[in-house]
C-alpha atoms as a PDB file:
ATOM      1  CA  MET A   1       5.945  14.471   3.611  1.00  0.00           C
ATOM      2  CA  LYS A   2       7.919  15.680   6.584  1.00  0.00           C
ATOM      3  CA  LYS A   3      11.138  14.266   7.954  1.00  0.00           C
ATOM      4  CA  GLY A   4      10.473  11.714  10.677  1.00  0.00           C
ATOM      5  CA  MET A   5       7.105  10.536   9.340  1.00  0.00           C
ATOM      6  CA  ILE A   6       6.518   6.814   9.005  1.00  0.00           C
ATOM      7  CA  LYS A   7       5.881   5.479   5.501  1.00  0.00           C
ATOM      8  CA  VAL A   8       4.230   2.100   5.089  1.00  0.00           C
ATOM      9  CA  SER A   9       4.773   0.779   1.564  1.00  0.00           C
ATOM     10  CA  VAL A  10       2.781  -2.173   0.268  1.00  0.00           C
ATOM     11  CA  LEU A  11       4.273  -3.490  -2.970  1.00  0.00           C
ATOM     12  CA  TYR A  12       2.562  -6.021  -5.223  1.00  0.00           C
ATOM     13  CA  PRO A  13       5.155  -7.933  -7.311  1.00  0.00           C
ATOM     14  CA  ASN A  14       4.294  -8.304 -10.983  1.00  0.00           C
ATOM     15  CA  GLY A  15       4.454 -11.622 -12.801  1.00  0.00           C
ATOM     16  CA  GLU A  16       2.758 -14.190 -14.938  1.00  0.00           C
ATOM     17  CA  GLY A  17      -0.569 -15.334 -13.528  1.00  0.00           C
ATOM     18  CA  LYS A  18      -0.721 -12.450 -11.067  1.00  0.00           C
ATOM     19  CA  ASN A  19      -3.835 -10.296 -11.097  1.00  0.00           C
ATOM     20  CA  PHE A  20      -4.455  -6.856  -9.628  1.00  0.00           C
ATOM     21  CA  ASP A  21      -7.751  -4.923  -9.880  1.00  0.00           C
ATOM     22  CA  MET A  22      -6.640  -1.286  -9.703  1.00  0.00           C
ATOM     23  CA  ASP A  23     -10.225   0.017  -9.825  1.00  0.00           C
ATOM     24  CA  TYR A  24     -11.240  -1.997  -6.749  1.00  0.00           C
ATOM     25  CA  TYR A  25      -8.006  -1.083  -4.967  1.00  0.00           C
ATOM     26  CA  CYS A  26      -8.425   2.665  -5.520  1.00  0.00           C
ATOM     27  CA  ASN A  27     -12.171   2.914  -5.057  1.00  0.00           C
ATOM     28  CA  GLN A  28     -13.018   0.298  -2.448  1.00  0.00           C
ATOM     29  CA  HIS A  29      -9.967  -1.049  -0.623  1.00  0.00           C
ATOM     30  CA  LEU A  30      -8.452   2.366   0.079  1.00  0.00           C
ATOM     31  CA  GLN A  31     -11.832   3.651   1.245  1.00  0.00           C
ATOM     32  CA  LEU A  32     -12.002   0.735   3.701  1.00  0.00           C
ATOM     33  CA  VAL A  33      -8.450   1.426   4.901  1.00  0.00           C
ATOM     34  CA  GLY A  34      -9.248   5.125   5.308  1.00  0.00           C
ATOM     35  CA  GLU A  35     -12.397   4.412   7.312  1.00  0.00           C
ATOM     36  CA  LEU A  36     -10.604   1.952   9.590  1.00  0.00           C
ATOM     37  CA  LEU A  37      -7.409   3.960  10.170  1.00  0.00           C
ATOM     38  CA  GLY A  38      -9.039   7.397  10.211  1.00  0.00           C
ATOM     39  CA  ASP A  39      -7.037  10.509  10.994  1.00  0.00           C
ATOM     40  CA  SER A  40      -3.898   8.526  11.782  1.00  0.00           C
ATOM     41  CA  VAL A  41      -3.243   8.433   8.014  1.00  0.00           C
ATOM     42  CA  LYS A  42      -1.664  11.765   7.111  1.00  0.00           C
ATOM     43  CA  ALA A  43      -1.277  11.071   3.381  1.00  0.00           C
ATOM     44  CA  ALA A  44      -1.565   8.232   0.882  1.00  0.00           C
ATOM     45  CA  THR A  45      -0.371   7.514  -2.644  1.00  0.00           C
ATOM     46  CA  VAL A  46      -1.079   4.755  -5.149  1.00  0.00           C
ATOM     47  CA  GLU A  47       1.259   3.893  -8.006  1.00  0.00           C
ATOM     48  CA  LYS A  48       0.639   1.685 -11.027  1.00  0.00           C
ATOM     49  CA  GLY A  49       3.684  -0.096 -12.462  1.00  0.00           C
ATOM     50  CA  LEU A  50       4.347   0.763 -16.103  1.00  0.00           C
ATOM     51  CA  GLY A  51       7.765  -0.678 -16.883  1.00  0.00           C
ATOM     52  CA  GLY A  52      11.178  -1.731 -15.669  1.00  0.00           C
ATOM     53  CA  ALA A  53      14.639  -0.177 -15.950  1.00  0.00           C
ATOM     54  CA  ILE A  54      15.197  -1.550 -19.458  1.00  0.00           C
ATOM     55  CA  PRO A  55      12.908  -0.029 -22.113  1.00  0.00           C
ATOM     56  CA  GLY A  56      10.100  -2.422 -22.933  1.00  0.00           C
ATOM     57  CA  SER A  57      10.630  -4.587 -19.829  1.00  0.00           C
ATOM     58  CA  PRO A  58       7.707  -5.242 -17.495  1.00  0.00           C
ATOM     59  CA  ALA A  59       7.298  -3.360 -14.237  1.00  0.00           C
ATOM     60  CA  THR A  60       8.776  -5.079 -11.203  1.00  0.00           C
ATOM     61  CA  TYR A  61       5.615  -4.246  -9.268  1.00  0.00           C
ATOM     62  CA  ALA A  62       2.054  -4.223 -10.577  1.00  0.00           C
ATOM     63  CA  ALA A  63       1.156  -1.610  -7.972  1.00  0.00           C
ATOM     64  CA  MET A  64       2.370   0.133  -4.838  1.00  0.00           C
ATOM     65  CA  GLY A  65       0.390   1.712  -2.056  1.00  0.00           C
ATOM     66  CA  ASN A  66       1.956   4.072   0.452  1.00  0.00           C
ATOM     67  CA  LEU A  67       0.499   5.343   3.711  1.00  0.00           C
ATOM     68  CA  TYR A  68       2.106   8.047   5.837  1.00  0.00           C
ATOM     69  CA  PHE A  69       1.774   8.342   9.613  1.00  0.00           C
ATOM     70  CA  ALA A  70       3.064  10.886  12.152  1.00  0.00           C
ATOM     71  CA  SER A  71       4.778   8.185  14.219  1.00  0.00           C
ATOM     72  CA  MET A  72       5.316   4.454  14.568  1.00  0.00           C
ATOM     73  CA  ASP A  73       2.915   4.441  17.532  1.00  0.00           C
ATOM     74  CA  SER A  74       0.234   6.086  15.411  1.00  0.00           C
ATOM     75  CA  PHE A  75       0.664   3.418  12.725  1.00  0.00           C
ATOM     76  CA  GLN A  76       0.705   0.497  15.153  1.00  0.00           C
ATOM     77  CA  ASN A  77      -2.227   1.748  17.224  1.00  0.00           C
ATOM     78  CA  SER A  78      -4.434   2.261  14.165  1.00  0.00           C
ATOM     79  CA  PHE A  79      -3.374  -0.687  12.011  1.00  0.00           C
ATOM     80  CA  GLY A  80      -3.033  -3.382  14.678  1.00  0.00           C
ATOM     81  CA  PRO A  81      -6.714  -3.564  15.682  1.00  0.00           C
ATOM     82  CA  ASN A  82      -7.778  -3.441  12.006  1.00  0.00           C
ATOM     83  CA  ALA A  83      -5.176  -5.680  10.383  1.00  0.00           C
ATOM     84  CA  GLU A  84      -7.492  -8.671  10.010  1.00  0.00           C
ATOM     85  CA  LYS A  85     -10.156  -6.653   8.138  1.00  0.00           C
ATOM     86  CA  ILE A  86      -7.620  -4.928   5.892  1.00  0.00           C
ATOM     87  CA  ILE A  87      -5.698  -8.092   5.027  1.00  0.00           C
ATOM     88  CA  GLY A  88      -8.963  -9.986   4.624  1.00  0.00           C
ATOM     89  CA  ASP A  89      -9.939  -7.669   1.765  1.00  0.00           C
ATOM     90  CA  LEU A  90      -6.865  -8.530  -0.350  1.00  0.00           C
ATOM     91  CA  PRO A  91      -8.479 -11.497  -2.191  1.00  0.00           C
ATOM     92  CA  ASN A  92     -11.124  -9.069  -3.482  1.00  0.00           C
ATOM     93  CA  PHE A  93      -8.576  -7.305  -5.697  1.00  0.00           C
ATOM     94  CA  THR A  94      -5.459  -9.460  -6.059  1.00  0.00           C
ATOM     95  CA  ASN A  95      -3.907 -12.905  -5.898  1.00  0.00           C
ATOM     96  CA  ILE A  96      -0.494 -11.360  -5.181  1.00  0.00           C
ATOM     97  CA  GLU A  97       1.258 -11.773  -1.837  1.00  0.00           C
ATOM     98  CA  PRO A  98       2.309  -8.196  -1.029  1.00  0.00           C
ATOM     99  CA  VAL A  99       5.705  -7.104   0.208  1.00  0.00           C
ATOM    100  CA  VAL A 100       5.513  -4.602   3.071  1.00  0.00           C
ATOM    101  CA  GLN A 101       8.204  -2.157   4.142  1.00  0.00           C
ATOM    102  CA  ILE A 102       7.982   0.338   6.990  1.00  0.00           C
ATOM    103  CA  SER A 103      10.363   3.275   6.619  1.00  0.00           C
ATOM    104  CA  GLU A 104      11.204   6.601   8.212  1.00  0.00           C
ATOM    105  CA  VAL A 105      11.070   9.608   5.891  1.00  0.00           C
ATOM    106  CA  MET A 106      14.513  11.210   5.933  1.00  0.00           C
ATOM    107  CA  ILE A 107      13.993  14.188   3.598  1.00  0.00           C
END
């Protein structure tokens, strides 16, 4: 990633009674997001939580998805018109309310 890019992180907190279908997320949800946002997405990563800071403790997040954009305008112009479709797909793979952070890549 290059300095100045916009990173949109979607974090899914782990916990009892929370479900996350990683197969659906990787193979269907991200395909939908890619089709809707197109070339505005410069890169994407998916992370699966394995554990916490203390050995043997559960991961704070079940999963994290990260999308990278050239600018805030690029993110807003691509995501805004498609937000309803993207958010509407969440119940197909999770019952977790995601936490979203938008950041600027510094290094």
